[in-house]
N, C-alpha and C. Protein backbone atom coordinates (compact mmCIF):
# COMPACT_ATOMS: atom_id res chain seq x y z
N MET A 1 0.84 -1.18 0.00
CA MET A 1 0.00 0.00 0.00
C MET A 1 0.88 1.24 0.00
N SER A 2 0.67 2.11 -0.98
CA SER A 2 1.47 3.32 -1.08
C SER A 2 0.56 4.53 -1.12
N THR A 3 0.84 5.50 -0.24
CA THR A 3 0.02 6.70 -0.18
C THR A 3 0.91 7.93 -0.28
N VAL A 4 0.52 8.84 -1.17
CA VAL A 4 1.27 10.09 -1.29
C VAL A 4 0.72 11.09 -0.29
N VAL A 5 1.58 11.56 0.59
CA VAL A 5 1.17 12.52 1.61
C VAL A 5 1.46 13.92 1.10
N THR A 6 0.41 14.73 0.97
CA THR A 6 0.57 16.06 0.39
C THR A 6 0.73 17.14 1.44
N ASP A 7 0.28 16.89 2.66
CA ASP A 7 0.46 17.89 3.72
C ASP A 7 0.62 17.21 5.07
N TYR A 8 1.00 18.00 6.04
CA TYR A 8 1.31 17.45 7.36
C TYR A 8 0.09 16.87 8.04
N GLN A 9 -1.06 17.53 7.89
CA GLN A 9 -2.27 17.05 8.56
C GLN A 9 -2.66 15.66 8.04
N THR A 10 -2.51 15.46 6.75
CA THR A 10 -2.79 14.14 6.18
C THR A 10 -1.88 13.09 6.80
N PHE A 11 -0.61 13.45 6.94
CA PHE A 11 0.35 12.53 7.55
C PHE A 11 -0.05 12.20 8.98
N VAL A 12 -0.43 13.22 9.75
CA VAL A 12 -0.85 13.01 11.13
C VAL A 12 -2.08 12.11 11.18
N ASN A 13 -3.05 12.37 10.30
CA ASN A 13 -4.26 11.55 10.28
C ASN A 13 -3.94 10.09 9.97
N LEU A 14 -3.06 9.86 9.01
CA LEU A 14 -2.67 8.50 8.67
C LEU A 14 -1.97 7.82 9.85
N ALA A 15 -1.11 8.58 10.52
CA ALA A 15 -0.38 8.01 11.66
C ALA A 15 -1.33 7.64 12.79
N GLU A 16 -2.29 8.54 13.06
CA GLU A 16 -3.25 8.27 14.13
C GLU A 16 -4.13 7.07 13.77
N GLN A 17 -4.54 6.99 12.51
CA GLN A 17 -5.38 5.88 12.08
C GLN A 17 -4.60 4.57 12.20
N SER A 18 -3.34 4.58 11.81
CA SER A 18 -2.51 3.39 11.89
C SER A 18 -2.33 2.96 13.34
N ALA A 19 -2.06 3.92 14.21
CA ALA A 19 -1.88 3.61 15.63
C ALA A 19 -3.17 3.03 16.21
N TYR A 20 -4.31 3.63 15.81
CA TYR A 20 -5.60 3.13 16.29
C TYR A 20 -5.82 1.69 15.84
N GLN A 21 -5.54 1.41 14.56
CA GLN A 21 -5.77 0.06 14.05
C GLN A 21 -4.85 -0.94 14.72
N ASN A 22 -3.58 -0.57 14.92
CA ASN A 22 -2.65 -1.48 15.58
C ASN A 22 -3.07 -1.77 17.01
N THR A 23 -3.51 -0.74 17.72
CA THR A 23 -3.96 -0.93 19.10
C THR A 23 -5.22 -1.78 19.13
N LEU A 24 -6.11 -1.52 18.19
CA LEU A 24 -7.36 -2.27 18.12
C LEU A 24 -7.08 -3.75 17.88
N ILE A 25 -6.15 -4.04 17.00
CA ILE A 25 -5.79 -5.43 16.71
C ILE A 25 -5.26 -6.11 17.97
N LYS A 26 -4.36 -5.43 18.68
CA LYS A 26 -3.78 -6.02 19.89
C LYS A 26 -4.84 -6.31 20.93
N ILE A 27 -5.73 -5.34 21.13
CA ILE A 27 -6.76 -5.52 22.16
C ILE A 27 -7.78 -6.56 21.72
N THR A 28 -8.07 -6.61 20.41
CA THR A 28 -9.01 -7.61 19.91
C THR A 28 -8.47 -9.01 20.16
N LEU A 29 -7.17 -9.18 20.02
CA LEU A 29 -6.57 -10.49 20.24
C LEU A 29 -6.52 -10.85 21.72
N SER A 30 -6.42 -9.82 22.57
CA SER A 30 -6.24 -10.11 23.99
C SER A 30 -7.52 -9.95 24.81
N LYS A 31 -8.21 -8.82 24.62
CA LYS A 31 -9.40 -8.54 25.43
C LYS A 31 -10.50 -7.95 24.56
N PRO A 32 -11.29 -8.81 23.92
CA PRO A 32 -12.33 -8.34 23.00
C PRO A 32 -13.34 -7.38 23.63
N ARG A 33 -13.57 -7.49 24.91
CA ARG A 33 -14.59 -6.64 25.54
C ARG A 33 -14.20 -5.17 25.52
N GLN A 34 -12.90 -4.89 25.42
CA GLN A 34 -12.44 -3.50 25.49
C GLN A 34 -12.51 -2.79 24.14
N VAL A 35 -12.82 -3.52 23.08
CA VAL A 35 -12.83 -2.92 21.74
C VAL A 35 -13.81 -1.77 21.65
N SER A 36 -15.03 -1.96 22.16
CA SER A 36 -16.03 -0.90 22.07
C SER A 36 -15.60 0.32 22.86
N ASP A 37 -14.96 0.11 24.01
CA ASP A 37 -14.47 1.24 24.81
C ASP A 37 -13.37 1.98 24.06
N LEU A 38 -12.50 1.23 23.37
CA LEU A 38 -11.43 1.86 22.61
C LEU A 38 -12.00 2.71 21.48
N LYS A 39 -13.01 2.16 20.80
CA LYS A 39 -13.63 2.92 19.72
C LYS A 39 -14.23 4.22 20.24
N LYS A 40 -14.87 4.14 21.40
CA LYS A 40 -15.47 5.34 21.98
C LYS A 40 -14.40 6.38 22.33
N ARG A 41 -13.24 5.89 22.77
CA ARG A 41 -12.19 6.82 23.17
C ARG A 41 -11.57 7.49 21.95
N PHE A 42 -11.37 6.72 20.86
CA PHE A 42 -10.75 7.30 19.67
C PHE A 42 -11.75 8.08 18.83
N TYR A 43 -12.96 7.57 18.75
CA TYR A 43 -13.98 8.20 17.91
C TYR A 43 -15.23 8.47 18.74
N PRO A 44 -15.18 9.49 19.61
CA PRO A 44 -16.35 9.78 20.45
C PRO A 44 -17.54 10.22 19.61
N THR A 45 -18.70 9.71 19.98
CA THR A 45 -19.92 10.08 19.26
C THR A 45 -20.54 11.30 19.90
N ASN A 46 -21.14 12.15 19.10
CA ASN A 46 -21.74 13.38 19.63
C ASN A 46 -23.05 13.08 20.34
């Protein structure tokens, strides 16, 4: 997968998304019950 980053904000967004996915994978493998809490913390609903 190759993505051209045109500005810093895009880079930050990609980094945060990657970190979120990696953390989600780890927690899904270890403690599935915490996945919904993690989603709420990263992506709070209004």
